[in-house]
């Protein structure tokens, strides 16, 4: 790692501990019935030695581990909280023989050159203050002929939401307030605020792969969908999402409301009160309508995977 690398994003993530967020959102992307497709897109073989970059609690790490036979996967994260929690989950799911999570600084990985057959990550490069430096480290530890993949999610991608035929009565007003709050949030929470690389945003990742010397670059779009009435998901998972997703939104709003910039941009304390109250009403509505086939509220979001192959040895 040279002195020119901006590592300031490390300070944002090294004490992160929002376990429920990762554990109730990432399973929507990495479903067991989609594992074969993801292995093709990531170009992973069941015998590969795999690295999962910036893995947080290791949802993707465990997802890949379940598809390996003689292979192994190592996840890394800069937060010791995620490392400890993730390894507990790995042990609880009986995956300790082929998966582990270690604490690493992604800008200066301790792994040797060419140590892995395949390197993956989801939404990791996008939160770095120097995306190019982070990608170069992932490439360095991948063997020649191995594959590097990034799964990308972005607020700028279009999403689909259907409120159902028996929607929550406060849905229109809730959506109005969410939209207004989100527009103001985008003005406040800039890449500079989060110490993120503003130039190499998610849309530029395929070009960034090419700039870093990767070959055979492919793009694989995919979507995630969810409904609280969907029989694919267990009742416990759906209830967990109702409590954690809306609970997290409320907790975020309680923190944001003390930021004077919201008032400056025209979002009042009364609107915060109303939005939080509507979220709580929506929570009660979802809990009471999980088995109501007249409801069927659902949404879907777009994502994509960019994959490339390392063709030369040494540093990039």
C-alpha atoms as a PDB file:
ATOM      1  CA  UNK A   1       0.000   0.000   0.000  1.00  0.00           C
ATOM      2  CA  UNK A   2       1.548   3.276  -1.101  1.00  0.00           C
ATOM      3  CA  UNK A   3       1.330   6.595   0.763  1.00  0.00           C
ATOM      4  CA  UNK A   4      -1.085   7.943  -1.852  1.00  0.00           C
ATOM      5  CA  UNK A   5      -3.880   5.559  -0.805  1.00  0.00           C
ATOM      6  CA  UNK A   6      -6.816   7.201   0.998  1.00  0.00           C
ATOM      7  CA  UNK A   7      -7.723   4.841   3.854  1.00  0.00           C
ATOM      8  CA  UNK A   8     -10.137   7.199   5.631  1.00  0.00           C
ATOM      9  CA  UNK A   9     -13.142   4.895   5.155  1.00  0.00           C
ATOM     10  CA  UNK A  10     -11.600   2.451   7.631  1.00  0.00           C
ATOM     11  CA  UNK A  11     -12.608   4.782  10.465  1.00  0.00           C
ATOM     12  CA  UNK A  12     -16.249   4.581   9.350  1.00  0.00           C
ATOM     13  CA  UNK A  13     -16.409   0.780   9.498  1.00  0.00           C
ATOM     14  CA  UNK A  14     -13.949  -0.473  12.104  1.00  0.00           C
ATOM     15  CA  UNK A  15     -16.478  -0.296  14.963  1.00  0.00           C
ATOM     16  CA  UNK A  16     -19.615  -1.130  12.939  1.00  0.00           C
ATOM     17  CA  UNK A  17     -22.036  -3.558  14.590  1.00  0.00           C
ATOM     18  CA  UNK A  18     -25.424  -3.429  12.795  1.00  0.00           C
ATOM     19  CA  UNK A  19     -25.742  -7.219  12.671  1.00  0.00           C
ATOM     20  CA  UNK A  20     -29.483  -7.455  12.023  1.00  0.00           C
ATOM     21  CA  UNK A  21     -29.272  -5.222   8.972  1.00  0.00           C
ATOM     22  CA  UNK A  22     -26.941  -7.617   7.133  1.00  0.00           C
ATOM     23  CA  UNK A  23     -28.658 -10.754   8.399  1.00  0.00           C
ATOM     24  CA  UNK A  24     -32.126  -9.728   7.177  1.00  0.00           C
ATOM     25  CA  UNK A  25     -31.235  -7.974   3.897  1.00  0.00           C
ATOM     26  CA  UNK A  26     -28.442 -10.009   2.298  1.00  0.00           C
ATOM     27  CA  UNK A  27     -30.349 -13.343   2.400  1.00  0.00           C
ATOM     28  CA  UNK A  28     -32.801 -11.716  -0.047  1.00  0.00           C
ATOM     29  CA  UNK A  29     -29.969 -11.486  -2.573  1.00  0.00           C
ATOM     30  CA  UNK A  30     -28.239 -14.796  -1.902  1.00  0.00           C
ATOM     31  CA  UNK A  31     -31.043 -17.369  -1.872  1.00  0.00           C
ATOM     32  CA  UNK A  32     -30.220 -21.062  -1.619  1.00  0.00           C
ATOM     33  CA  UNK A  33     -32.139 -21.823  -4.808  1.00  0.00           C
ATOM     34  CA  UNK A  34     -29.887 -19.376  -6.697  1.00  0.00           C
ATOM     35  CA  UNK A  35     -26.538 -20.806  -5.540  1.00  0.00           C
ATOM     36  CA  UNK A  36     -25.738 -22.572  -8.835  1.00  0.00           C
ATOM     37  CA  UNK A  37     -26.296 -19.332 -10.759  1.00  0.00           C
ATOM     38  CA  UNK A  38     -24.075 -17.329  -8.409  1.00  0.00           C
ATOM     39  CA  UNK A  39     -21.315 -19.932  -8.641  1.00  0.00           C
ATOM     40  CA  UNK A  40     -21.413 -19.542 -12.449  1.00  0.00           C
ATOM     41  CA  UNK A  41     -21.415 -15.747 -12.290  1.00  0.00           C
ATOM     42  CA  UNK A  42     -18.621 -15.665  -9.676  1.00  0.00           C
ATOM     43  CA  UNK A  43     -16.792 -18.389 -11.670  1.00  0.00           C
ATOM     44  CA  UNK A  44     -16.321 -20.470  -8.518  1.00  0.00           C
ATOM     45  CA  UNK A  45     -15.677 -24.216  -8.527  1.00  0.00           C
ATOM     46  CA  UNK A  46     -16.625 -26.320  -5.465  1.00  0.00           C
ATOM     47  CA  UNK A  47     -12.946 -27.107  -4.944  1.00  0.00           C
ATOM     48  CA  UNK A  48     -11.773 -23.460  -4.991  1.00  0.00           C
ATOM     49  CA  UNK A  49     -10.068 -21.511  -2.252  1.00  0.00           C
ATOM     50  CA  UNK A  50     -12.235 -18.375  -2.073  1.00  0.00           C
ATOM     51  CA  UNK A  51     -11.867 -14.952  -0.438  1.00  0.00           C
ATOM     52  CA  UNK A  52     -14.901 -12.804   0.462  1.00  0.00           C
ATOM     53  CA  UNK A  53     -13.916  -9.140   0.840  1.00  0.00           C
ATOM     54  CA  UNK A  54     -15.536  -6.825   3.383  1.00  0.00           C
ATOM     55  CA  UNK A  55     -17.932  -9.608   4.336  1.00  0.00           C
ATOM     56  CA  UNK A  56     -19.559  -7.987   7.413  1.00  0.00           C
ATOM     57  CA  UNK A  57     -21.396 -10.789   9.266  1.00  0.00           C
ATOM     58  CA  UNK A  58     -20.592 -13.277   6.507  1.00  0.00           C
ATOM     59  CA  UNK A  59     -23.964 -13.894   4.851  1.00  0.00           C
ATOM     60  CA  UNK A  60     -22.288 -14.281   1.437  1.00  0.00           C
ATOM     61  CA  UNK A  61     -19.394 -16.205   3.043  1.00  0.00           C
ATOM     62  CA  UNK A  62     -21.782 -18.823   4.452  1.00  0.00           C
ATOM     63  CA  UNK A  63     -23.825 -18.898   1.237  1.00  0.00           C
ATOM     64  CA  UNK A  64     -20.727 -19.829  -0.772  1.00  0.00           C
ATOM     65  CA  UNK A  65     -19.425 -22.249   1.876  1.00  0.00           C
ATOM     66  CA  UNK A  66     -22.609 -24.327   1.522  1.00  0.00           C
ATOM     67  CA  UNK A  67     -21.792 -24.881  -2.165  1.00  0.00           C
ATOM     68  CA  UNK A  68     -18.171 -25.933  -1.669  1.00  0.00           C
ATOM     69  CA  UNK A  69     -16.994 -29.531  -1.269  1.00  0.00           C
ATOM     70  CA  UNK A  70     -13.189 -29.696  -0.933  1.00  0.00           C
ATOM     71  CA  UNK A  71     -12.913 -25.913  -1.225  1.00  0.00           C
ATOM     72  CA  UNK A  72     -12.734 -23.329   1.557  1.00  0.00           C
ATOM     73  CA  UNK A  73     -13.721 -19.692   1.956  1.00  0.00           C
ATOM     74  CA  UNK A  74     -12.212 -16.946   4.075  1.00  0.00           C
ATOM     75  CA  UNK A  75     -14.110 -13.743   4.710  1.00  0.00           C
ATOM     76  CA  UNK A  76     -12.471 -10.602   6.004  1.00  0.00           C
ATOM     77  CA  UNK A  77     -13.746  -7.421   7.588  1.00  0.00           C
ATOM     78  CA  UNK A  78     -12.158  -4.515   9.428  1.00  0.00           C
ATOM     79  CA  UNK A  79     -14.771  -4.643  12.204  1.00  0.00           C
ATOM     80  CA  UNK A  80     -13.865  -7.077  14.988  1.00  0.00           C
ATOM     81  CA  UNK A  81     -17.556  -7.016  15.921  1.00  0.00           C
ATOM     82  CA  UNK A  82     -18.459  -8.554  12.552  1.00  0.00           C
ATOM     83  CA  UNK A  83     -15.578 -11.025  12.716  1.00  0.00           C
ATOM     84  CA  UNK A  84     -16.714 -12.370  16.085  1.00  0.00           C
ATOM     85  CA  UNK A  85     -20.410 -12.418  15.229  1.00  0.00           C
ATOM     86  CA  UNK A  86     -19.801 -13.948  11.802  1.00  0.00           C
ATOM     87  CA  UNK A  87     -17.652 -16.778  13.155  1.00  0.00           C
ATOM     88  CA  UNK A  88     -20.362 -17.567  15.696  1.00  0.00           C
ATOM     89  CA  UNK A  89     -22.859 -17.870  12.832  1.00  0.00           C
ATOM     90  CA  UNK A  90     -20.450 -20.069  10.868  1.00  0.00           C
ATOM     91  CA  UNK A  91     -20.055 -22.391  13.870  1.00  0.00           C
ATOM     92  CA  UNK A  92     -23.822 -22.464  14.516  1.00  0.00           C
ATOM     93  CA  UNK A  93     -24.464 -23.520  10.900  1.00  0.00           C
ATOM     94  CA  UNK A  94     -21.848 -26.288  11.027  1.00  0.00           C
ATOM     95  CA  UNK A  95     -19.559 -24.635   8.466  1.00  0.00           C
ATOM     96  CA  UNK A  96     -16.388 -24.237  10.553  1.00  0.00           C
ATOM     97  CA  UNK A  97     -14.577 -26.891   8.507  1.00  0.00           C
ATOM     98  CA  UNK A  98     -14.659 -24.812   5.345  1.00  0.00           C
ATOM     99  CA  UNK A  99     -15.355 -21.196   6.336  1.00  0.00           C
ATOM    100  CA  UNK A 100     -13.904 -18.559   8.641  1.00  0.00           C
ATOM    101  CA  UNK A 101     -13.806 -14.769   8.986  1.00  0.00           C
ATOM    102  CA  UNK A 102     -10.675 -12.837   9.915  1.00  0.00           C
ATOM    103  CA  UNK A 103      -9.974  -9.202  10.704  1.00  0.00           C
ATOM    104  CA  UNK A 104      -8.104  -7.452   7.890  1.00  0.00           C
ATOM    105  CA  UNK A 105      -7.505  -3.960   6.546  1.00  0.00           C
ATOM    106  CA  UNK A 106      -8.634  -4.257   2.935  1.00  0.00           C
ATOM    107  CA  UNK A 107      -6.055  -1.705   1.825  1.00  0.00           C
ATOM    108  CA  UNK A 108      -3.193  -3.841   3.188  1.00  0.00           C
ATOM    109  CA  UNK A 109      -4.201  -7.501   3.267  1.00  0.00           C
ATOM    110  CA  UNK A 110      -1.877  -9.889   5.089  1.00  0.00           C
ATOM    111  CA  UNK A 111      -2.472 -12.696   2.560  1.00  0.00           C
ATOM    112  CA  UNK A 112       0.321 -13.705   0.202  1.00  0.00           C
ATOM    113  CA  UNK A 113       0.227 -12.953  -3.519  1.00  0.00           C
ATOM    114  CA  UNK A 114      -1.801 -15.474  -5.564  1.00  0.00           C
ATOM    115  CA  UNK A 115      -3.294 -17.060  -2.414  1.00  0.00           C
ATOM    116  CA  UNK A 116      -6.871 -17.604  -3.680  1.00  0.00           C
ATOM    117  CA  UNK A 117      -8.546 -19.171  -6.718  1.00  0.00           C
ATOM    118  CA  UNK A 118     -11.490 -16.761  -6.635  1.00  0.00           C
ATOM    119  CA  UNK A 119     -12.219 -13.481  -4.860  1.00  0.00           C
ATOM    120  CA  UNK A 120     -15.737 -12.126  -4.341  1.00  0.00           C
ATOM    121  CA  UNK A 121     -17.389  -9.261  -2.504  1.00  0.00           C
ATOM    122  CA  UNK A 122     -20.800  -7.681  -2.179  1.00  0.00           C
ATOM    123  CA  UNK A 123     -21.127  -3.894  -1.745  1.00  0.00           C
ATOM    124  CA  UNK A 124     -17.589  -3.744  -0.323  1.00  0.00           C
ATOM    125  CA  UNK A 125     -15.644  -1.789  -2.934  1.00  0.00           C
ATOM    126  CA  UNK A 126     -18.394   0.826  -3.119  1.00  0.00           C
ATOM    127  CA  UNK A 127     -17.936   1.942   0.510  1.00  0.00           C
ATOM    128  CA  UNK A 128     -14.170   2.423   0.270  1.00  0.00           C
ATOM    129  CA  UNK A 129     -12.445   5.788   0.181  1.00  0.00           C
ATOM    130  CA  UNK A 130     -10.135   4.429  -2.536  1.00  0.00           C
ATOM    131  CA  UNK A 131     -11.963   1.834  -4.634  1.00  0.00           C
ATOM    132  CA  UNK A 132      -9.070   1.297  -7.021  1.00  0.00           C
ATOM    133  CA  UNK A 133      -6.642   0.534  -4.180  1.00  0.00           C
ATOM    134  CA  UNK A 134      -9.116  -1.886  -2.612  1.00  0.00           C
ATOM    135  CA  UNK A 135      -9.637  -3.708  -5.906  1.00  0.00           C
ATOM    136  CA  UNK A 136      -5.888  -3.928  -6.550  1.00  0.00           C
ATOM    137  CA  UNK A 137      -5.409  -5.667  -3.207  1.00  0.00           C
ATOM    138  CA  UNK A 138      -8.124  -8.196  -4.083  1.00  0.00           C
ATOM    139  CA  UNK A 139      -6.416  -8.802  -7.434  1.00  0.00           C
ATOM    140  CA  UNK A 140      -2.998  -9.177  -5.784  1.00  0.00           C
ATOM    141  CA  UNK A 141      -4.119 -12.065  -3.571  1.00  0.00           C
ATOM    142  CA  UNK A 142      -5.889 -13.876  -6.442  1.00  0.00           C
ATOM    143  CA  UNK A 143      -3.835 -16.345  -8.489  1.00  0.00           C
ATOM    144  CA  UNK A 144      -3.108 -15.838 -12.170  1.00  0.00           C
ATOM    145  CA  UNK A 145      -6.048 -17.318 -14.056  1.00  0.00           C
ATOM    146  CA  UNK A 146      -8.303 -16.780 -11.041  1.00  0.00           C
ATOM    147  CA  UNK A 147     -11.432 -14.671 -10.975  1.00  0.00           C
ATOM    148  CA  UNK A 148     -12.424 -11.492  -9.123  1.00  0.00           C
ATOM    149  CA  UNK A 149     -16.124 -10.613  -8.764  1.00  0.00           C
ATOM    150  CA  UNK A 150     -18.031  -7.712  -7.242  1.00  0.00           C
ATOM    151  CA  UNK A 151     -21.762  -7.751  -6.544  1.00  0.00           C
ATOM    152  CA  UNK A 152     -23.074  -4.194  -6.772  1.00  0.00           C
ATOM    153  CA  UNK A 153     -26.165  -2.625  -5.239  1.00  0.00           C
ATOM    154  CA  UNK A 154     -26.942   1.061  -5.621  1.00  0.00           C
ATOM    155  CA  UNK A 155     -29.601   3.569  -4.593  1.00  0.00           C
ATOM    156  CA  UNK A 156     -29.555   4.795  -8.185  1.00  0.00           C
ATOM    157  CA  UNK A 157     -30.839   1.476  -9.573  1.00  0.00           C
ATOM    158  CA  UNK A 158     -34.594   1.359 -10.260  1.00  0.00           C
ATOM    159  CA  UNK A 159     -36.785  -0.581  -7.846  1.00  0.00           C
ATOM    160  CA  UNK A 160     -40.319  -1.989  -7.978  1.00  0.00           C
ATOM    161  CA  UNK A 161     -42.860  -1.730  -5.189  1.00  0.00           C
ATOM    162  CA  UNK A 162     -46.423  -3.024  -5.196  1.00  0.00           C
ATOM    163  CA  UNK A 163     -48.532  -2.108  -2.162  1.00  0.00           C
ATOM    164  CA  UNK A 164     -51.041  -4.874  -2.863  1.00  0.00           C
ATOM    165  CA  UNK A 165     -54.805  -4.827  -3.183  1.00  0.00           C
ATOM    166  CA  UNK A 166     -55.299  -4.269   0.549  1.00  0.00           C
ATOM    167  CA  UNK A 167     -52.552  -1.753   1.301  1.00  0.00           C
ATOM    168  CA  UNK A 168     -51.699  -0.184   4.618  1.00  0.00           C
ATOM    169  CA  UNK A 169     -54.079   2.780   4.949  1.00  0.00           C
ATOM    170  CA  UNK A 170     -51.255   5.210   5.647  1.00  0.00           C
ATOM    171  CA  UNK A 171     -49.193   4.059   2.649  1.00  0.00           C
ATOM    172  CA  UNK A 172     -49.580   7.205   0.475  1.00  0.00           C
ATOM    173  CA  UNK A 173     -48.585   9.575   3.253  1.00  0.00           C
ATOM    174  CA  UNK A 174     -45.798   7.242   4.421  1.00  0.00           C
ATOM    175  CA  UNK A 175     -44.341   7.145   0.906  1.00  0.00           C
ATOM    176  CA  UNK A 176     -44.575  10.920   0.568  1.00  0.00           C
ATOM    177  CA  UNK A 177     -42.626  11.432   3.785  1.00  0.00           C
ATOM    178  CA  UNK A 178     -40.083   8.713   2.941  1.00  0.00           C
ATOM    179  CA  UNK A 179     -39.521  10.338  -0.456  1.00  0.00           C
ATOM    180  CA  UNK A 180     -39.032  13.789   1.041  1.00  0.00           C
ATOM    181  CA  UNK A 181     -36.718  12.505   3.775  1.00  0.00           C
ATOM    182  CA  UNK A 182     -34.723  10.453   1.250  1.00  0.00           C
ATOM    183  CA  UNK A 183     -34.217  13.449  -1.064  1.00  0.00           C
ATOM    184  CA  UNK A 184     -32.852  15.492   1.836  1.00  0.00           C
ATOM    185  CA  UNK A 185     -30.718  12.578   3.025  1.00  0.00           C
ATOM    186  CA  UNK A 186     -29.089  12.425  -0.415  1.00  0.00           C
ATOM    187  CA  UNK A 187     -28.096  16.074  -0.054  1.00  0.00           C
ATOM    188  CA  UNK A 188     -26.586  15.504   3.390  1.00  0.00           C
ATOM    189  CA  UNK A 189     -25.082  12.006   3.109  1.00  0.00           C
ATOM    190  CA  UNK A 190     -22.686  12.615   0.235  1.00  0.00           C
ATOM    191  CA  UNK A 191     -19.743  10.355  -0.659  1.00  0.00           C
ATOM    192  CA  UNK A 192     -17.524  12.893   1.122  1.00  0.00           C
ATOM    193  CA  UNK A 193     -19.604  12.457   4.291  1.00  0.00           C
ATOM    194  CA  UNK A 194     -19.154   8.673   4.184  1.00  0.00           C
ATOM    195  CA  UNK A 195     -15.497   8.873   3.065  1.00  0.00           C
ATOM    196  CA  UNK A 196     -16.390   7.066  -0.174  1.00  0.00           C
ATOM    197  CA  UNK A 197     -14.655   7.337  -3.528  1.00  0.00           C
ATOM    198  CA  UNK A 198     -16.910   9.738  -5.442  1.00  0.00           C
ATOM    199  CA  UNK A 199     -15.481   9.016  -8.899  1.00  0.00           C
ATOM    200  CA  UNK A 200     -15.473   5.208  -8.984  1.00  0.00           C
ATOM    201  CA  UNK A 201     -19.149   4.774  -8.223  1.00  0.00           C
ATOM    202  CA  UNK A 202     -20.943   1.462  -8.799  1.00  0.00           C
ATOM    203  CA  UNK A 203     -21.828   2.239 -12.400  1.00  0.00           C
ATOM    204  CA  UNK A 204     -18.126   2.570 -13.283  1.00  0.00           C
ATOM    205  CA  UNK A 205     -17.002  -0.743 -11.775  1.00  0.00           C
ATOM    206  CA  UNK A 206     -16.714  -2.630 -15.108  1.00  0.00           C
ATOM    207  CA  UNK A 207     -14.419   0.139 -16.386  1.00  0.00           C
ATOM    208  CA  UNK A 208     -12.471   0.060 -13.127  1.00  0.00           C
ATOM    209  CA  UNK A 209     -11.956  -3.685 -13.625  1.00  0.00           C
ATOM    210  CA  UNK A 210     -10.522  -2.988 -17.065  1.00  0.00           C
ATOM    211  CA  UNK A 211      -8.306  -0.163 -15.746  1.00  0.00           C
ATOM    212  CA  UNK A 212      -6.871  -2.623 -13.200  1.00  0.00           C
ATOM    213  CA  UNK A 213      -5.882  -5.043 -15.965  1.00  0.00           C
ATOM    214  CA  UNK A 214      -8.570  -7.696 -15.569  1.00  0.00           C
ATOM    215  CA  UNK A 215      -9.648  -9.553 -18.725  1.00  0.00           C
ATOM    216  CA  UNK A 216     -12.733 -11.437 -19.866  1.00  0.00           C
ATOM    217  CA  UNK A 217     -14.962  -8.980 -18.029  1.00  0.00           C
ATOM    218  CA  UNK A 218     -18.652  -9.861 -17.847  1.00  0.00           C
ATOM    219  CA  UNK A 219     -21.716  -8.164 -16.338  1.00  0.00           C
ATOM    220  CA  UNK A 220     -24.543 -10.234 -14.857  1.00  0.00           C
ATOM    221  CA  UNK A 221     -27.668  -8.304 -13.791  1.00  0.00           C
ATOM    222  CA  UNK A 222     -29.967  -9.886 -11.223  1.00  0.00           C
ATOM    223  CA  UNK A 223     -32.879  -8.900  -9.015  1.00  0.00           C
ATOM    224  CA  UNK A 224     -33.934  -9.593  -5.446  1.00  0.00           C
ATOM    225  CA  UNK A 225     -37.582  -9.743  -4.477  1.00  0.00           C
ATOM    226  CA  UNK A 226     -39.465 -10.070  -1.220  1.00  0.00           C
ATOM    227  CA  UNK A 227     -42.988 -10.308   0.139  1.00  0.00           C
ATOM    228  CA  UNK A 228     -44.120 -10.928   3.691  1.00  0.00           C
ATOM    229  CA  UNK A 229     -46.647 -13.374   2.218  1.00  0.00           C
ATOM    230  CA  UNK A 230     -44.044 -15.331   0.209  1.00  0.00           C
ATOM    231  CA  UNK A 231     -43.896 -18.989   1.307  1.00  0.00           C
ATOM    232  CA  UNK A 232     -40.187 -19.252   0.403  1.00  0.00           C
ATOM    233  CA  UNK A 233     -39.306 -17.440   3.631  1.00  0.00           C
ATOM    234  CA  UNK A 234     -39.882 -18.858   7.095  1.00  0.00           C
ATOM    235  CA  UNK A 235     -42.283 -17.116   9.464  1.00  0.00           C
ATOM    236  CA  UNK A 236     -39.411 -16.386  11.842  1.00  0.00           C
ATOM    237  CA  UNK A 237     -37.406 -14.706   9.074  1.00  0.00           C
ATOM    238  CA  UNK A 238     -40.383 -12.617   7.965  1.00  0.00           C
ATOM    239  CA  UNK A 239     -41.131 -11.512  11.521  1.00  0.00           C
ATOM    240  CA  UNK A 240     -37.460 -10.712  12.033  1.00  0.00           C
ATOM    241  CA  UNK A 241     -37.534  -8.493   8.960  1.00  0.00           C
ATOM    242  CA  UNK A 242     -40.672  -6.707  10.128  1.00  0.00           C
ATOM    243  CA  UNK A 243     -39.114  -5.952  13.488  1.00  0.00           C
ATOM    244  CA  UNK A 244     -35.542  -5.281  12.368  1.00  0.00           C
ATOM    245  CA  UNK A 245     -36.116  -3.448   9.077  1.00  0.00           C
ATOM    246  CA  UNK A 246     -38.664  -1.009  10.416  1.00  0.00           C
ATOM    247  CA  UNK A 247     -36.923  -0.887  13.787  1.00  0.00           C
ATOM    248  CA  UNK A 248     -33.677   0.092  12.053  1.00  0.00           C
ATOM    249  CA  UNK A 249     -35.457   2.770  10.018  1.00  0.00           C
ATOM    250  CA  UNK A 250     -36.941   4.243  13.184  1.00  0.00           C
ATOM    251  CA  UNK A 251     -33.571   4.161  14.963  1.00  0.00           C
ATOM    252  CA  UNK A 252     -31.960   5.938  11.999  1.00  0.00           C
ATOM    253  CA  UNK A 253     -34.678   8.589  11.970  1.00  0.00           C
ATOM    254  CA  UNK A 254     -34.241   9.212  15.702  1.00  0.00           C
ATOM    255  CA  UNK A 255     -30.542   9.898  15.054  1.00  0.00           C
ATOM    256  CA  UNK A 256     -31.189  12.014  11.983  1.00  0.00           C
ATOM    257  CA  UNK A 257     -33.786  14.249  13.601  1.00  0.00           C
ATOM    258  CA  UNK A 258     -31.129  15.932  15.778  1.00  0.00           C
ATOM    259  CA  UNK A 259     -29.214  16.975  12.656  1.00  0.00           C
ATOM    260  CA  UNK A 260     -30.072  20.670  12.076  1.00  0.00           C
ATOM    261  CA  UNK A 261     -29.529  20.258   8.328  1.00  0.00           C
ATOM    262  CA  UNK A 262     -32.880  18.496   8.002  1.00  0.00           C
ATOM    263  CA  UNK A 263     -34.700  21.565   9.313  1.00  0.00           C
ATOM    264  CA  UNK A 264     -32.600  23.754   7.039  1.00  0.00           C
ATOM    265  CA  UNK A 265     -33.749  21.666   4.057  1.00  0.00           C
ATOM    266  CA  UNK A 266     -37.396  21.815   5.199  1.00  0.00           C
ATOM    267  CA  UNK A 267     -37.992  18.525   7.045  1.00  0.00           C
ATOM    268  CA  UNK A 268     -39.594  19.452  10.376  1.00  0.00           C
ATOM    269  CA  UNK A 269     -39.677  17.724  13.762  1.00  0.00           C
ATOM    270  CA  UNK A 270     -43.408  17.225  13.257  1.00  0.00           C
ATOM    271  CA  UNK A 271     -42.695  15.357  10.042  1.00  0.00           C
ATOM    272  CA  UNK A 272     -40.171  13.167  11.856  1.00  0.00           C
ATOM    273  CA  UNK A 273     -42.853  12.404  14.469  1.00  0.00           C
ATOM    274  CA  UNK A 274     -45.401  11.578  11.789  1.00  0.00           C
ATOM    275  CA  UNK A 275     -43.008   9.410   9.782  1.00  0.00           C
ATOM    276  CA  UNK A 276     -41.957   7.389  12.840  1.00  0.00           C
ATOM    277  CA  UNK A 277     -45.605   6.926  13.885  1.00  0.00           C
ATOM    278  CA  UNK A 278     -46.531   5.723  10.386  1.00  0.00           C
ATOM    279  CA  UNK A 279     -43.623   3.271  10.387  1.00  0.00           C
ATOM    280  CA  UNK A 280     -44.886   1.809  13.674  1.00  0.00           C
ATOM    281  CA  UNK A 281     -48.407   1.536  12.262  1.00  0.00           C
ATOM    282  CA  UNK A 282     -47.006  -0.167   9.164  1.00  0.00           C
ATOM    283  CA  UNK A 283     -45.138  -2.602  11.403  1.00  0.00           C
ATOM    284  CA  UNK A 284     -48.394  -3.557  13.163  1.00  0.00           C
ATOM    285  CA  UNK A 285     -50.158  -3.878   9.800  1.00  0.00           C
ATOM    286  CA  UNK A 286     -47.519  -6.230   8.382  1.00  0.00           C
ATOM    287  CA  UNK A 287     -47.553  -8.438  11.478  1.00  0.00           C
ATOM    288  CA  UNK A 288     -51.324  -8.762  11.253  1.00  0.00           C
ATOM    289  CA  UNK A 289     -51.440  -9.441   7.485  1.00  0.00           C
ATOM    290  CA  UNK A 290     -48.622 -11.992   7.003  1.00  0.00           C
ATOM    291  CA  UNK A 291     -51.178 -14.713   6.236  1.00  0.00           C
ATOM    292  CA  UNK A 292     -53.644 -12.516   4.351  1.00  0.00           C
ATOM    293  CA  UNK A 293     -53.629 -13.523   0.693  1.00  0.00           C
ATOM    294  CA  UNK A 294     -55.505 -10.347  -0.196  1.00  0.00           C
ATOM    295  CA  UNK A 295     -52.484  -8.309   0.818  1.00  0.00           C
ATOM    296  CA  UNK A 296     -49.464  -9.480  -1.191  1.00  0.00           C
ATOM    297  CA  UNK A 297     -47.377  -6.372  -0.897  1.00  0.00           C
ATOM    298  CA  UNK A 298     -43.997  -7.005  -2.551  1.00  0.00           C
ATOM    299  CA  UNK A 299     -40.918  -5.245  -3.868  1.00  0.00           C
ATOM    300  CA  UNK A 300     -37.874  -5.978  -5.988  1.00  0.00           C
ATOM    301  CA  UNK A 301     -34.495  -4.322  -6.458  1.00  0.00           C
ATOM    302  CA  UNK A 302     -31.871  -4.496  -9.191  1.00  0.00           C
ATOM    303  CA  UNK A 303     -28.214  -5.464  -8.682  1.00  0.00           C
ATOM    304  CA  UNK A 304     -25.388  -6.635 -10.907  1.00  0.00           C
ATOM    305  CA  UNK A 305     -22.191  -8.676 -10.731  1.00  0.00           C
ATOM    306  CA  UNK A 306     -19.034  -7.707 -12.593  1.00  0.00           C
ATOM    307  CA  UNK A 307     -16.439 -10.469 -12.993  1.00  0.00           C
ATOM    308  CA  UNK A 308     -12.970 -10.495 -14.489  1.00  0.00           C
ATOM    309  CA  UNK A 309      -9.952 -12.773 -14.750  1.00  0.00           C
ATOM    310  CA  UNK A 310      -6.406 -12.035 -13.568  1.00  0.00           C
ATOM    311  CA  UNK A 311      -4.034 -12.724 -16.462  1.00  0.00           C
ATOM    312  CA  UNK A 312      -0.680 -11.484 -15.118  1.00  0.00           C
ATOM    313  CA  UNK A 313       1.234 -12.021 -11.873  1.00  0.00           C
ATOM    314  CA  UNK A 314       2.649  -9.550  -9.382  1.00  0.00           C
ATOM    315  CA  UNK A 315       1.200  -6.168  -8.471  1.00  0.00           C
ATOM    316  CA  UNK A 316      -1.322  -4.413 -10.697  1.00  0.00           C
END
